Amino acid sequence: MTVDAIRRNALKRRRSLSQKENRRRGKQIQRQAAQRLRTLDARVVYCYVSVSPEAPTRQLIKRLRAEGRRVAVPRVEADSTAMRLHELTDMRQLERGRWGVPVPPLTAPRVPKEALDAALIPCAAVDSRGNRIGRGGGFHDRFFAEEPRPRMIGLAFDCQRTAPFEPMPWDVPLDELIAESGAFFFQSKQAAPAVRSYRQTTSTKRRPS
């Protein structure tokens, strides 16, 4: 099965969840993610701002802020292939950005990748080895291509877990996945140098993934 087919099937399963189930399972994911970050003592955390029906993060972001953690969220400018991180101190700061995804204002403080202790990554599909499929834009794979990286933690529903597949050379694997049923930890990693070969020719056509 191709990567595109795996992505389509996983997203179809996610869409099949009722709103009630999405909220219920999403609360479990956010609660477990908050606990995991406390265990890691992660002080600076990257987190995507969720858009339904993604694994939700908005209450998680508020909780992390209440615990005194710095939260960095992504911003991608129009016609750009680069993702930049800005600190989010108030959810009311969010603006409507590219693809309709909420983004922080340009005036928000920048956060360098090197400052991150952990990164919460959106997923379309994840296999049992920690290989992740995103939405296809490659933004996260490019941003986290080079070492050192923070702890890479995927957030997804159990229905998005899939059988092992062959990753692309530029794919950045996860260290762990948090789903509603619990946390999954991965050991096998593909070689980091190959990640830098990612082609950027189609990246502006899709939302951050």
C-alpha atoms as a PDB file:
ATOM      1  CA  MET A   1       0.000   0.000   0.000  1.00  0.00           C
ATOM      2  CA  THR A   2       1.319   3.443  -0.896  1.00  0.00           C
ATOM      3  CA  VAL A   3       1.897   6.216   1.632  1.00  0.00           C
ATOM      4  CA  ASP A   4      -0.972   8.183   0.092  1.00  0.00           C
ATOM      5  CA  ALA A   5      -3.310   5.205   0.486  1.00  0.00           C
ATOM      6  CA  ILE A   6      -2.240   4.693   4.103  1.00  0.00           C
ATOM      7  CA  ARG A   7      -2.856   8.386   4.782  1.00  0.00           C
ATOM      8  CA  ARG A   8      -6.301   8.332   3.148  1.00  0.00           C
ATOM      9  CA  ASN A   9      -7.383   5.221   5.048  1.00  0.00           C
ATOM     10  CA  ALA A  10      -6.172   6.525   8.406  1.00  0.00           C
ATOM     11  CA  LEU A  11      -7.842   9.899   7.924  1.00  0.00           C
ATOM     12  CA  LYS A  12     -11.063   8.165   6.834  1.00  0.00           C
ATOM     13  CA  ARG A  13     -11.043   6.158  10.067  1.00  0.00           C
ATOM     14  CA  ARG A  14     -10.464   9.360  12.038  1.00  0.00           C
ATOM     15  CA  ARG A  15     -13.349  11.106  10.284  1.00  0.00           C
ATOM     16  CA  SER A  16     -15.614   8.187  11.160  1.00  0.00           C
ATOM     17  CA  LEU A  17     -15.393   9.069  14.862  1.00  0.00           C
ATOM     18  CA  SER A  18     -18.472  10.896  16.086  1.00  0.00           C
ATOM     19  CA  GLN A  19     -17.992  14.343  17.592  1.00  0.00           C
ATOM     20  CA  LYS A  20     -18.749  12.863  21.002  1.00  0.00           C
ATOM     21  CA  GLU A  21     -16.128  10.138  20.569  1.00  0.00           C
ATOM     22  CA  ASN A  22     -13.607  12.621  19.203  1.00  0.00           C
ATOM     23  CA  ARG A  23     -14.044  14.829  22.285  1.00  0.00           C
ATOM     24  CA  ARG A  24     -13.967  11.923  24.728  1.00  0.00           C
ATOM     25  CA  ARG A  25     -10.866  10.332  23.244  1.00  0.00           C
ATOM     26  CA  GLY A  26      -9.271  13.722  22.717  1.00  0.00           C
ATOM     27  CA  LYS A  27      -9.583  14.520  26.420  1.00  0.00           C
ATOM     28  CA  GLN A  28      -7.762  11.277  27.216  1.00  0.00           C
ATOM     29  CA  ILE A  29      -4.957  12.130  24.796  1.00  0.00           C
ATOM     30  CA  GLN A  30      -4.519  15.622  26.220  1.00  0.00           C
ATOM     31  CA  ARG A  31      -4.545  14.373  29.811  1.00  0.00           C
ATOM     32  CA  GLN A  32      -1.907  11.732  29.073  1.00  0.00           C
ATOM     33  CA  ALA A  33       0.223  14.179  27.102  1.00  0.00           C
ATOM     34  CA  ALA A  34       0.222  16.628  30.010  1.00  0.00           C
ATOM     35  CA  GLN A  35       1.254  13.869  32.394  1.00  0.00           C
ATOM     36  CA  ARG A  36       4.011  12.715  30.056  1.00  0.00           C
ATOM     37  CA  LEU A  37       5.450  16.233  29.779  1.00  0.00           C
ATOM     38  CA  ARG A  38       5.453  16.533  33.560  1.00  0.00           C
ATOM     39  CA  THR A  39       7.369  13.248  33.755  1.00  0.00           C
ATOM     40  CA  LEU A  40       9.891  14.558  31.210  1.00  0.00           C
ATOM     41  CA  ASP A  41      10.052  17.903  33.058  1.00  0.00           C
ATOM     42  CA  ALA A  42       9.751  19.578  29.656  1.00  0.00           C
ATOM     43  CA  ARG A  43       9.899  23.327  30.233  1.00  0.00           C
ATOM     44  CA  VAL A  44       9.660  24.483  26.608  1.00  0.00           C
ATOM     45  CA  VAL A  45       7.232  22.538  24.429  1.00  0.00           C
ATOM     46  CA  TYR A  46       6.370  22.739  20.747  1.00  0.00           C
ATOM     47  CA  CYS A  47       2.687  22.059  20.088  1.00  0.00           C
ATOM     48  CA  TYR A  48       0.510  22.351  17.013  1.00  0.00           C
ATOM     49  CA  VAL A  49      -2.804  24.188  17.360  1.00  0.00           C
ATOM     50  CA  SER A  50      -5.399  21.573  16.500  1.00  0.00           C
ATOM     51  CA  VAL A  51      -8.191  21.884  13.966  1.00  0.00           C
ATOM     52  CA  SER A  52     -11.031  19.368  14.155  1.00  0.00           C
ATOM     53  CA  PRO A  53     -10.945  16.404  13.666  1.00  0.00           C
ATOM     54  CA  GLU A  54      -7.228  16.290  14.636  1.00  0.00           C
ATOM     55  CA  ALA A  55      -6.209  15.008  18.039  1.00  0.00           C
ATOM     56  CA  PRO A  56      -7.082  18.132  20.062  1.00  0.00           C
ATOM     57  CA  THR A  57      -4.496  20.311  21.771  1.00  0.00           C
ATOM     58  CA  ARG A  58      -6.213  23.530  22.813  1.00  0.00           C
ATOM     59  CA  GLN A  59      -7.012  22.519  26.381  1.00  0.00           C
ATOM     60  CA  LEU A  60      -3.574  20.931  26.604  1.00  0.00           C
ATOM     61  CA  ILE A  61      -1.917  24.214  25.615  1.00  0.00           C
ATOM     62  CA  LYS A  62      -3.882  26.041  28.312  1.00  0.00           C
ATOM     63  CA  ARG A  63      -2.881  23.430  30.890  1.00  0.00           C
ATOM     64  CA  LEU A  64       0.788  23.614  29.947  1.00  0.00           C
ATOM     65  CA  ARG A  65       0.701  27.401  30.255  1.00  0.00           C
ATOM     66  CA  ALA A  66      -0.997  27.120  33.661  1.00  0.00           C
ATOM     67  CA  GLU A  67       1.811  24.803  34.805  1.00  0.00           C
ATOM     68  CA  GLY A  68       4.391  27.445  33.892  1.00  0.00           C
ATOM     69  CA  ARG A  69       5.666  25.817  30.706  1.00  0.00           C
ATOM     70  CA  ARG A  70       6.493  27.831  27.618  1.00  0.00           C
ATOM     71  CA  VAL A  71       4.512  26.740  24.568  1.00  0.00           C
ATOM     72  CA  ALA A  72       5.778  27.371  21.044  1.00  0.00           C
ATOM     73  CA  VAL A  73       3.341  27.072  18.133  1.00  0.00           C
ATOM     74  CA  PRO A  74       4.007  27.122  14.382  1.00  0.00           C
ATOM     75  CA  ARG A  75       3.501  29.820  11.787  1.00  0.00           C
ATOM     76  CA  VAL A  76       3.957  29.317   8.036  1.00  0.00           C
ATOM     77  CA  GLU A  77       3.803  32.373   5.815  1.00  0.00           C
ATOM     78  CA  ALA A  78       2.099  32.408   2.433  1.00  0.00           C
ATOM     79  CA  ASP A  79       4.266  30.971  -0.362  1.00  0.00           C
ATOM     80  CA  SER A  80       6.833  29.787   2.183  1.00  0.00           C
ATOM     81  CA  THR A  81       8.224  26.318   2.841  1.00  0.00           C
ATOM     82  CA  ALA A  82       9.641  27.300   6.234  1.00  0.00           C
ATOM     83  CA  MET A  83       7.944  26.878   9.587  1.00  0.00           C
ATOM     84  CA  ARG A  84       8.728  29.354  12.371  1.00  0.00           C
ATOM     85  CA  LEU A  85       7.907  28.998  16.044  1.00  0.00           C
ATOM     86  CA  HIS A  86       6.439  31.720  18.237  1.00  0.00           C
ATOM     87  CA  GLU A  87       5.599  31.599  21.929  1.00  0.00           C
ATOM     88  CA  LEU A  88       1.875  31.530  22.665  1.00  0.00           C
ATOM     89  CA  THR A  89       0.882  33.146  25.947  1.00  0.00           C
ATOM     90  CA  ASP A  90      -2.837  33.564  25.315  1.00  0.00           C
ATOM     91  CA  MET A  91      -5.147  31.602  23.014  1.00  0.00           C
ATOM     92  CA  ARG A  92      -6.845  34.889  22.136  1.00  0.00           C
ATOM     93  CA  GLN A  93      -3.648  35.896  20.302  1.00  0.00           C
ATOM     94  CA  LEU A  94      -4.284  33.356  17.567  1.00  0.00           C
ATOM     95  CA  GLU A  95      -5.003  34.621  14.060  1.00  0.00           C
ATOM     96  CA  ARG A  96      -6.444  32.890  11.028  1.00  0.00           C
ATOM     97  CA  GLY A  97      -3.463  31.815   8.956  1.00  0.00           C
ATOM     98  CA  ARG A  98      -2.707  29.839   5.847  1.00  0.00           C
ATOM     99  CA  TRP A  99      -5.190  27.008   5.147  1.00  0.00           C
ATOM    100  CA  GLY A 100      -7.369  28.486   7.887  1.00  0.00           C
ATOM    101  CA  VAL A 101      -5.040  27.111  10.555  1.00  0.00           C
ATOM    102  CA  PRO A 102      -4.769  29.290  13.704  1.00  0.00           C
ATOM    103  CA  VAL A 103      -1.317  30.881  13.986  1.00  0.00           C
ATOM    104  CA  PRO A 104       0.441  33.153  16.487  1.00  0.00           C
ATOM    105  CA  PRO A 105       0.952  36.835  15.614  1.00  0.00           C
ATOM    106  CA  LEU A 106       4.223  37.897  14.037  1.00  0.00           C
ATOM    107  CA  THR A 107       4.863  40.069  17.083  1.00  0.00           C
ATOM    108  CA  ALA A 108       4.937  37.052  19.426  1.00  0.00           C
ATOM    109  CA  PRO A 109       8.452  36.112  20.658  1.00  0.00           C
ATOM    110  CA  ARG A 110      10.341  33.696  18.398  1.00  0.00           C
ATOM    111  CA  VAL A 111      11.399  30.358  19.872  1.00  0.00           C
ATOM    112  CA  PRO A 112      14.452  28.574  18.394  1.00  0.00           C
ATOM    113  CA  LYS A 113      14.311  24.820  17.857  1.00  0.00           C
ATOM    114  CA  GLU A 114      17.319  24.413  20.158  1.00  0.00           C
ATOM    115  CA  ALA A 115      15.250  25.706  23.105  1.00  0.00           C
ATOM    116  CA  LEU A 116      12.675  22.916  22.841  1.00  0.00           C
ATOM    117  CA  ASP A 117      12.587  20.048  25.322  1.00  0.00           C
ATOM    118  CA  ALA A 118       9.720  18.196  23.635  1.00  0.00           C
ATOM    119  CA  ALA A 119       7.636  18.482  20.468  1.00  0.00           C
ATOM    120  CA  LEU A 120       4.006  17.391  20.092  1.00  0.00           C
ATOM    121  CA  ILE A 121       3.551  16.453  16.444  1.00  0.00           C
ATOM    122  CA  PRO A 122       0.286  16.000  14.490  1.00  0.00           C
ATOM    123  CA  CYS A 123      -0.118  12.716  12.667  1.00  0.00           C
ATOM    124  CA  ALA A 124      -2.231  11.348   9.857  1.00  0.00           C
ATOM    125  CA  ALA A 125      -0.903   7.822  10.507  1.00  0.00           C
ATOM    126  CA  VAL A 126       1.783   6.187  12.671  1.00  0.00           C
ATOM    127  CA  ASP A 127       3.138   2.656  12.429  1.00  0.00           C
ATOM    128  CA  SER A 128       4.477   0.351  15.138  1.00  0.00           C
ATOM    129  CA  ARG A 129       8.070   1.475  14.541  1.00  0.00           C
ATOM    130  CA  GLY A 130       7.399   5.183  15.023  1.00  0.00           C
ATOM    131  CA  ASN A 131       7.255   6.110  11.362  1.00  0.00           C
ATOM    132  CA  ARG A 132       4.844   8.993  10.876  1.00  0.00           C
ATOM    133  CA  ILE A 133       2.775  10.151   7.938  1.00  0.00           C
ATOM    134  CA  GLY A 134       1.629  13.767   8.009  1.00  0.00           C
ATOM    135  CA  ARG A 135      -0.615  15.728   5.672  1.00  0.00           C
ATOM    136  CA  GLY A 136       2.006  15.688   2.929  1.00  0.00           C
ATOM    137  CA  GLY A 137       3.557  19.156   3.165  1.00  0.00           C
ATOM    138  CA  GLY A 138       6.733  18.021   4.916  1.00  0.00           C
ATOM    139  CA  PHE A 139       6.931  21.072   7.188  1.00  0.00           C
ATOM    140  CA  HIS A 140       7.720  19.150  10.367  1.00  0.00           C
ATOM    141  CA  ASP A 141      10.176  16.846   8.610  1.00  0.00           C
ATOM    142  CA  ARG A 142      12.117  19.836   7.312  1.00  0.00           C
ATOM    143  CA  PHE A 143      12.015  21.779  10.558  1.00  0.00           C
ATOM    144  CA  PHE A 144      13.218  18.834  12.666  1.00  0.00           C
ATOM    145  CA  ALA A 145      15.522  17.344  10.026  1.00  0.00           C
ATOM    146  CA  GLU A 146      18.818  17.983  11.785  1.00  0.00           C
ATOM    147  CA  GLU A 147      20.009  16.921  15.193  1.00  0.00           C
ATOM    148  CA  PRO A 148      19.760  17.808  17.966  1.00  0.00           C
ATOM    149  CA  ARG A 149      16.023  17.324  18.175  1.00  0.00           C
ATOM    150  CA  PRO A 150      13.675  17.577  21.125  1.00  0.00           C
ATOM    151  CA  ARG A 151      11.752  14.536  22.288  1.00  0.00           C
ATOM    152  CA  MET A 152       9.469  13.807  19.312  1.00  0.00           C
ATOM    153  CA  ILE A 153       5.987  12.844  20.538  1.00  0.00           C
ATOM    154  CA  GLY A 154       3.161  12.149  18.116  1.00  0.00           C
ATOM    155  CA  LEU A 155      -0.471  12.737  19.047  1.00  0.00           C
ATOM    156  CA  ALA A 156      -3.120  10.648  17.291  1.00  0.00           C
ATOM    157  CA  PHE A 157      -6.170   8.503  17.859  1.00  0.00           C
ATOM    158  CA  ASP A 158      -5.772   4.738  18.075  1.00  0.00           C
ATOM    159  CA  CYS A 159      -7.653   4.397  14.783  1.00  0.00           C
ATOM    160  CA  GLN A 160      -4.738   6.169  13.066  1.00  0.00           C
ATOM    161  CA  ARG A 161      -2.217   3.503  14.060  1.00  0.00           C
ATOM    162  CA  THR A 162      -1.261   1.334  11.139  1.00  0.00           C
ATOM    163  CA  ALA A 163       0.843  -1.644  10.087  1.00  0.00           C
ATOM    164  CA  PRO A 164       4.569  -1.046   9.444  1.00  0.00           C
ATOM    165  CA  PHE A 165       5.369   0.783   6.224  1.00  0.00           C
ATOM    166  CA  GLU A 166       8.551   1.888   4.505  1.00  0.00           C
ATOM    167  CA  PRO A 167       9.278   5.553   5.349  1.00  0.00           C
ATOM    168  CA  MET A 168      10.599   8.040   2.838  1.00  0.00           C
ATOM    169  CA  PRO A 169      14.306   8.924   3.230  1.00  0.00           C
ATOM    170  CA  TRP A 170      13.492  12.387   4.613  1.00  0.00           C
ATOM    171  CA  ASP A 171      10.902  11.280   7.184  1.00  0.00           C
ATOM    172  CA  VAL A 172      11.727  12.135  10.792  1.00  0.00           C
ATOM    173  CA  PRO A 173      10.588   9.292  13.082  1.00  0.00           C
ATOM    174  CA  LEU A 174       8.845   9.695  16.408  1.00  0.00           C
ATOM    175  CA  ASP A 175      10.279   8.787  19.788  1.00  0.00           C
ATOM    176  CA  GLU A 176       6.823   7.986  21.089  1.00  0.00           C
ATOM    177  CA  LEU A 177       3.121   8.214  20.340  1.00  0.00           C
ATOM    178  CA  ILE A 178       0.332   9.212  22.707  1.00  0.00           C
ATOM    179  CA  ALA A 179      -3.124   7.890  21.823  1.00  0.00           C
ATOM    180  CA  GLU A 180      -6.256   7.543  23.919  1.00  0.00           C
ATOM    181  CA  SER A 181      -5.258   4.025  24.977  1.00  0.00           C
ATOM    182  CA  GLY A 182      -1.841   5.088  26.251  1.00  0.00           C
ATOM    183  CA  ALA A 183       1.737   5.812  25.240  1.00  0.00           C
ATOM    184  CA  PHE A 184       3.788   3.814  22.734  1.00  0.00           C
ATOM    185  CA  PHE A 185       7.575   4.034  22.753  1.00  0.00           C
ATOM    186  CA  PHE A 186       9.788   3.410  19.735  1.00  0.00           C
ATOM    187  CA  GLN A 187      13.415   2.375  19.495  1.00  0.00           C
ATOM    188  CA  SER A 188      14.231   1.919  15.815  1.00  0.00           C
ATOM    189  CA  LYS A 189      15.350   5.107  14.069  1.00  0.00           C
ATOM    190  CA  GLN A 190      16.234   5.753  10.465  1.00  0.00           C
ATOM    191  CA  ALA A 191      19.514   7.533   9.788  1.00  0.00           C
ATOM    192  CA  ALA A 192      19.256  11.273  10.319  1.00  0.00           C
ATOM    193  CA  PRO A 193      21.536  12.432   7.433  1.00  0.00           C
ATOM    194  CA  ALA A 194      19.072  11.195   4.787  1.00  0.00           C
ATOM    195  CA  VAL A 195      16.402  13.487   6.136  1.00  0.00           C
ATOM    196  CA  ARG A 196      18.098  16.528   4.626  1.00  0.00           C
ATOM    197  CA  SER A 197      17.383  15.289   1.075  1.00  0.00           C
ATOM    198  CA  TYR A 198      13.726  16.306   1.221  1.00  0.00           C
ATOM    199  CA  ARG A 199      12.516  18.001  -1.969  1.00  0.00           C
ATOM    200  CA  GLN A 200      10.633  21.230  -1.378  1.00  0.00           C
ATOM    201  CA  THR A 201       8.983  21.513  -4.769  1.00  0.00           C
ATOM    202  CA  THR A 202       5.443  20.616  -3.661  1.00  0.00           C
ATOM    203  CA  SER A 203       5.488  21.783  -0.058  1.00  0.00           C
ATOM    204  CA  THR A 204       3.501  24.999  -0.538  1.00  0.00           C
ATOM    205  CA  LYS A 205       0.416  23.095  -1.671  1.00  0.00           C
ATOM    206  CA  ARG A 206      -0.473  21.511   1.637  1.00  0.00           C
ATOM    207  CA  ARG A 207      -1.004  22.611   5.187  1.00  0.00           C
ATOM    208  CA  PRO A 208       1.633  21.897   7.891  1.00  0.00           C
ATOM    209  CA  SER A 209       1.986  18.172   8.473  1.00  0.00           C
END
